[in-house]
Amino acid sequence: MAKGHRSQIKRERNANKDTRPSAKLSYARVSVQKACFVLDAIRGKDVATALAILEYNPRYASSLIKKLLESAVANAENNNGMNPENLYVAECYANKGPTMKRVKPRAQGRAYRIEKRTSHITVVLDER
């Protein structure tokens, strides 16, 4: 097969694929800045500690990230056969999603724009 053939390119791309268990939440209704406050608190921690931090964190994003972390642990257990006690949060980050633009009526016929931001949150686990 030729080097530039589509199947060859796909085969090479899949060979470099990351095999670590992960979970991704797309279009979460929380801004990236607010999600990053919570993600910074759990980065590098083991799963049990991270879940405890998320359980008692008062921010809205912590409930979303807790559910996402539990999903990543289930992926590791069921798909990769890993032991949940040996897992830790290797990577966690939030990328910017599309912004919903809304209009708020103001005095004297003016209109202010309200931007409802979304984010794509990713949690990647690894084994110690």
C-alpha atoms as a PDB file:
ATOM      1  CA  MET A   1       0.000   0.000   0.000  1.00  0.00           C
ATOM      2  CA  ALA A   2       1.097   3.532  -0.671  1.00  0.00           C
ATOM      3  CA  LYS A   3       2.355   5.614   2.259  1.00  0.00           C
ATOM      4  CA  GLY A   4      -0.356   8.197   1.791  1.00  0.00           C
ATOM      5  CA  HIS A   5      -3.151   5.650   1.544  1.00  0.00           C
ATOM      6  CA  ARG A   6      -6.086   6.320   3.845  1.00  0.00           C
ATOM      7  CA  SER A   7      -6.003   2.982   5.644  1.00  0.00           C
ATOM      8  CA  GLN A   8      -2.254   3.320   6.234  1.00  0.00           C
ATOM      9  CA  ILE A   9      -2.710   6.781   7.709  1.00  0.00           C
ATOM     10  CA  LYS A  10      -5.500   5.510   9.991  1.00  0.00           C
ATOM     11  CA  ARG A  11      -3.388   2.561  11.111  1.00  0.00           C
ATOM     12  CA  GLU A  12      -0.510   4.859  12.070  1.00  0.00           C
ATOM     13  CA  ARG A  13      -2.849   7.244  13.893  1.00  0.00           C
ATOM     14  CA  ASN A  14      -4.403   4.411  15.912  1.00  0.00           C
ATOM     15  CA  ALA A  15      -0.969   3.025  16.828  1.00  0.00           C
ATOM     16  CA  ASN A  16      -0.165   6.296  18.642  1.00  0.00           C
ATOM     17  CA  LYS A  17      -3.477   6.310  20.526  1.00  0.00           C
ATOM     18  CA  ASP A  18      -3.458   6.976  24.270  1.00  0.00           C
ATOM     19  CA  THR A  19      -4.625   3.828  26.105  1.00  0.00           C
ATOM     20  CA  ARG A  20      -5.155   5.491  29.483  1.00  0.00           C
ATOM     21  CA  PRO A  21      -8.761   5.419  30.733  1.00  0.00           C
ATOM     22  CA  SER A  22     -10.572   8.715  30.402  1.00  0.00           C
ATOM     23  CA  ALA A  23     -13.964  10.373  30.325  1.00  0.00           C
ATOM     24  CA  LYS A  24     -15.089  13.528  28.569  1.00  0.00           C
ATOM     25  CA  LEU A  25     -18.044  15.808  29.220  1.00  0.00           C
ATOM     26  CA  SER A  26     -18.935  17.984  26.246  1.00  0.00           C
ATOM     27  CA  TYR A  27     -21.007  21.165  26.335  1.00  0.00           C
ATOM     28  CA  ALA A  28     -21.030  21.455  30.135  1.00  0.00           C
ATOM     29  CA  ARG A  29     -22.932  24.582  31.187  1.00  0.00           C
ATOM     30  CA  VAL A  30     -20.075  26.002  33.221  1.00  0.00           C
ATOM     31  CA  SER A  31     -17.348  28.386  32.129  1.00  0.00           C
ATOM     32  CA  VAL A  32     -13.776  27.159  31.707  1.00  0.00           C
ATOM     33  CA  GLN A  33     -12.493  29.451  34.457  1.00  0.00           C
ATOM     34  CA  LYS A  34     -14.976  28.101  37.005  1.00  0.00           C
ATOM     35  CA  ALA A  35     -14.314  24.476  36.037  1.00  0.00           C
ATOM     36  CA  CYS A  36     -10.541  24.999  36.315  1.00  0.00           C
ATOM     37  CA  PHE A  37     -10.827  26.025  39.983  1.00  0.00           C
ATOM     38  CA  VAL A  38     -12.179  22.563  40.761  1.00  0.00           C
ATOM     39  CA  LEU A  39      -9.886  20.694  38.348  1.00  0.00           C
ATOM     40  CA  ASP A  40      -6.783  22.287  39.887  1.00  0.00           C
ATOM     41  CA  ALA A  41      -7.832  20.908  43.289  1.00  0.00           C
ATOM     42  CA  ILE A  42      -7.898  17.258  42.116  1.00  0.00           C
ATOM     43  CA  ARG A  43      -5.044  17.139  39.589  1.00  0.00           C
ATOM     44  CA  GLY A  44      -2.433  14.551  40.597  1.00  0.00           C
ATOM     45  CA  LYS A  45      -4.465  13.150  43.516  1.00  0.00           C
ATOM     46  CA  ASP A  46      -5.514   9.523  43.858  1.00  0.00           C
ATOM     47  CA  VAL A  47      -9.127   8.735  43.003  1.00  0.00           C
ATOM     48  CA  ALA A  48     -10.412   8.278  46.576  1.00  0.00           C
ATOM     49  CA  THR A  49      -8.971  11.644  47.673  1.00  0.00           C
ATOM     50  CA  ALA A  50     -10.254  13.384  44.532  1.00  0.00           C
ATOM     51  CA  LEU A  51     -13.784  12.048  45.083  1.00  0.00           C
ATOM     52  CA  ALA A  52     -13.683  13.225  48.714  1.00  0.00           C
ATOM     53  CA  ILE A  53     -12.564  16.708  47.620  1.00  0.00           C
ATOM     54  CA  LEU A  54     -15.337  16.890  45.028  1.00  0.00           C
ATOM     55  CA  GLU A  55     -17.967  15.649  47.480  1.00  0.00           C
ATOM     56  CA  TYR A  56     -17.450  18.584  49.854  1.00  0.00           C
ATOM     57  CA  ASN A  57     -16.541  21.298  47.355  1.00  0.00           C
ATOM     58  CA  PRO A  58     -19.403  23.846  47.257  1.00  0.00           C
ATOM     59  CA  ARG A  59     -18.922  24.844  43.606  1.00  0.00           C
ATOM     60  CA  TYR A  60     -21.447  23.789  40.939  1.00  0.00           C
ATOM     61  CA  ALA A  61     -18.717  22.398  38.686  1.00  0.00           C
ATOM     62  CA  SER A  62     -17.636  19.903  41.356  1.00  0.00           C
ATOM     63  CA  SER A  63     -20.872  17.907  40.973  1.00  0.00           C
ATOM     64  CA  LEU A  64     -20.290  17.623  37.217  1.00  0.00           C
ATOM     65  CA  ILE A  65     -16.633  16.672  37.620  1.00  0.00           C
ATOM     66  CA  LYS A  66     -17.446  14.121  40.364  1.00  0.00           C
ATOM     67  CA  LYS A  67     -19.820  12.325  38.009  1.00  0.00           C
ATOM     68  CA  LEU A  68     -17.198  12.499  35.247  1.00  0.00           C
ATOM     69  CA  LEU A  69     -14.477  11.083  37.520  1.00  0.00           C
ATOM     70  CA  GLU A  70     -16.741   8.195  38.549  1.00  0.00           C
ATOM     71  CA  SER A  71     -17.341   7.478  34.860  1.00  0.00           C
ATOM     72  CA  ALA A  72     -13.585   7.444  34.176  1.00  0.00           C
ATOM     73  CA  VAL A  73     -13.051   5.014  37.076  1.00  0.00           C
ATOM     74  CA  ALA A  74     -15.784   2.737  35.696  1.00  0.00           C
ATOM     75  CA  ASN A  75     -14.128   2.888  32.254  1.00  0.00           C
ATOM     76  CA  ALA A  76     -10.788   1.900  33.785  1.00  0.00           C
ATOM     77  CA  GLU A  77     -12.348  -0.972  35.704  1.00  0.00           C
ATOM     78  CA  ASN A  78     -14.556  -2.400  32.955  1.00  0.00           C
ATOM     79  CA  ASN A  79     -12.647  -1.634  29.749  1.00  0.00           C
ATOM     80  CA  ASN A  80      -9.014  -1.793  30.886  1.00  0.00           C
ATOM     81  CA  GLY A  81      -9.307  -4.188  33.852  1.00  0.00           C
ATOM     82  CA  MET A  82      -7.514  -1.799  36.228  1.00  0.00           C
ATOM     83  CA  ASN A  83      -7.808  -1.782  40.005  1.00  0.00           C
ATOM     84  CA  PRO A  84      -9.616   1.410  41.189  1.00  0.00           C
ATOM     85  CA  GLU A  85      -7.400   1.691  44.305  1.00  0.00           C
ATOM     86  CA  ASN A  86      -4.251   2.163  42.187  1.00  0.00           C
ATOM     87  CA  LEU A  87      -5.686   4.938  39.984  1.00  0.00           C
ATOM     88  CA  TYR A  88      -4.855   8.629  40.151  1.00  0.00           C
ATOM     89  CA  VAL A  89      -5.871  11.698  38.148  1.00  0.00           C
ATOM     90  CA  ALA A  90      -3.066  12.016  35.589  1.00  0.00           C
ATOM     91  CA  GLU A  91      -4.624  14.831  33.551  1.00  0.00           C
ATOM     92  CA  CYS A  92      -7.718  16.964  33.859  1.00  0.00           C
ATOM     93  CA  TYR A  93      -8.481  20.019  31.806  1.00  0.00           C
ATOM     94  CA  ALA A  94     -11.336  22.121  30.478  1.00  0.00           C
ATOM     95  CA  ASN A  95     -11.457  23.469  26.936  1.00  0.00           C
ATOM     96  CA  LYS A  96     -13.716  26.232  25.697  1.00  0.00           C
ATOM     97  CA  GLY A  97     -17.003  25.169  24.138  1.00  0.00           C
ATOM     98  CA  PRO A  98     -19.489  27.214  22.114  1.00  0.00           C
ATOM     99  CA  THR A  99     -20.962  30.290  23.761  1.00  0.00           C
ATOM    100  CA  MET A 100     -24.727  30.798  23.784  1.00  0.00           C
ATOM    101  CA  LYS A 101     -25.564  34.439  23.157  1.00  0.00           C
ATOM    102  CA  ARG A 102     -28.665  35.857  24.799  1.00  0.00           C
ATOM    103  CA  VAL A 103     -30.118  39.369  24.933  1.00  0.00           C
ATOM    104  CA  LYS A 104     -31.220  41.152  28.087  1.00  0.00           C
ATOM    105  CA  PRO A 105     -33.458  44.195  27.627  1.00  0.00           C
ATOM    106  CA  ARG A 106     -32.232  47.329  29.410  1.00  0.00           C
ATOM    107  CA  ALA A 107     -33.496  50.836  29.997  1.00  0.00           C
ATOM    108  CA  GLN A 108     -34.365  53.215  27.140  1.00  0.00           C
ATOM    109  CA  GLY A 109     -34.614  50.517  24.485  1.00  0.00           C
ATOM    110  CA  ARG A 110     -31.083  49.236  24.838  1.00  0.00           C
ATOM    111  CA  ALA A 111     -30.134  45.575  24.870  1.00  0.00           C
ATOM    112  CA  TYR A 112     -27.162  44.027  26.636  1.00  0.00           C
ATOM    113  CA  ARG A 113     -25.663  40.759  25.481  1.00  0.00           C
ATOM    114  CA  ILE A 114     -25.410  37.895  27.949  1.00  0.00           C
ATOM    115  CA  GLU A 115     -22.904  35.182  27.110  1.00  0.00           C
ATOM    116  CA  LYS A 116     -23.659  31.751  28.541  1.00  0.00           C
ATOM    117  CA  ARG A 117     -20.371  29.931  28.253  1.00  0.00           C
ATOM    118  CA  THR A 118     -19.897  26.190  27.901  1.00  0.00           C
ATOM    119  CA  SER A 119     -16.852  23.966  28.255  1.00  0.00           C
ATOM    120  CA  HIS A 120     -15.581  20.518  27.351  1.00  0.00           C
ATOM    121  CA  ILE A 121     -14.126  18.839  30.457  1.00  0.00           C
ATOM    122  CA  THR A 122     -11.750  15.867  30.200  1.00  0.00           C
ATOM    123  CA  VAL A 123     -10.422  13.622  32.989  1.00  0.00           C
ATOM    124  CA  VAL A 124      -7.603  11.135  32.255  1.00  0.00           C
ATOM    125  CA  LEU A 125      -6.589   8.508  34.831  1.00  0.00           C
ATOM    126  CA  ASP A 126      -3.455   6.422  35.155  1.00  0.00           C
ATOM    127  CA  GLU A 127      -2.190   3.603  37.363  1.00  0.00           C
ATOM    128  CA  ARG A 128       0.444   4.037  40.070  1.00  0.00           C
END
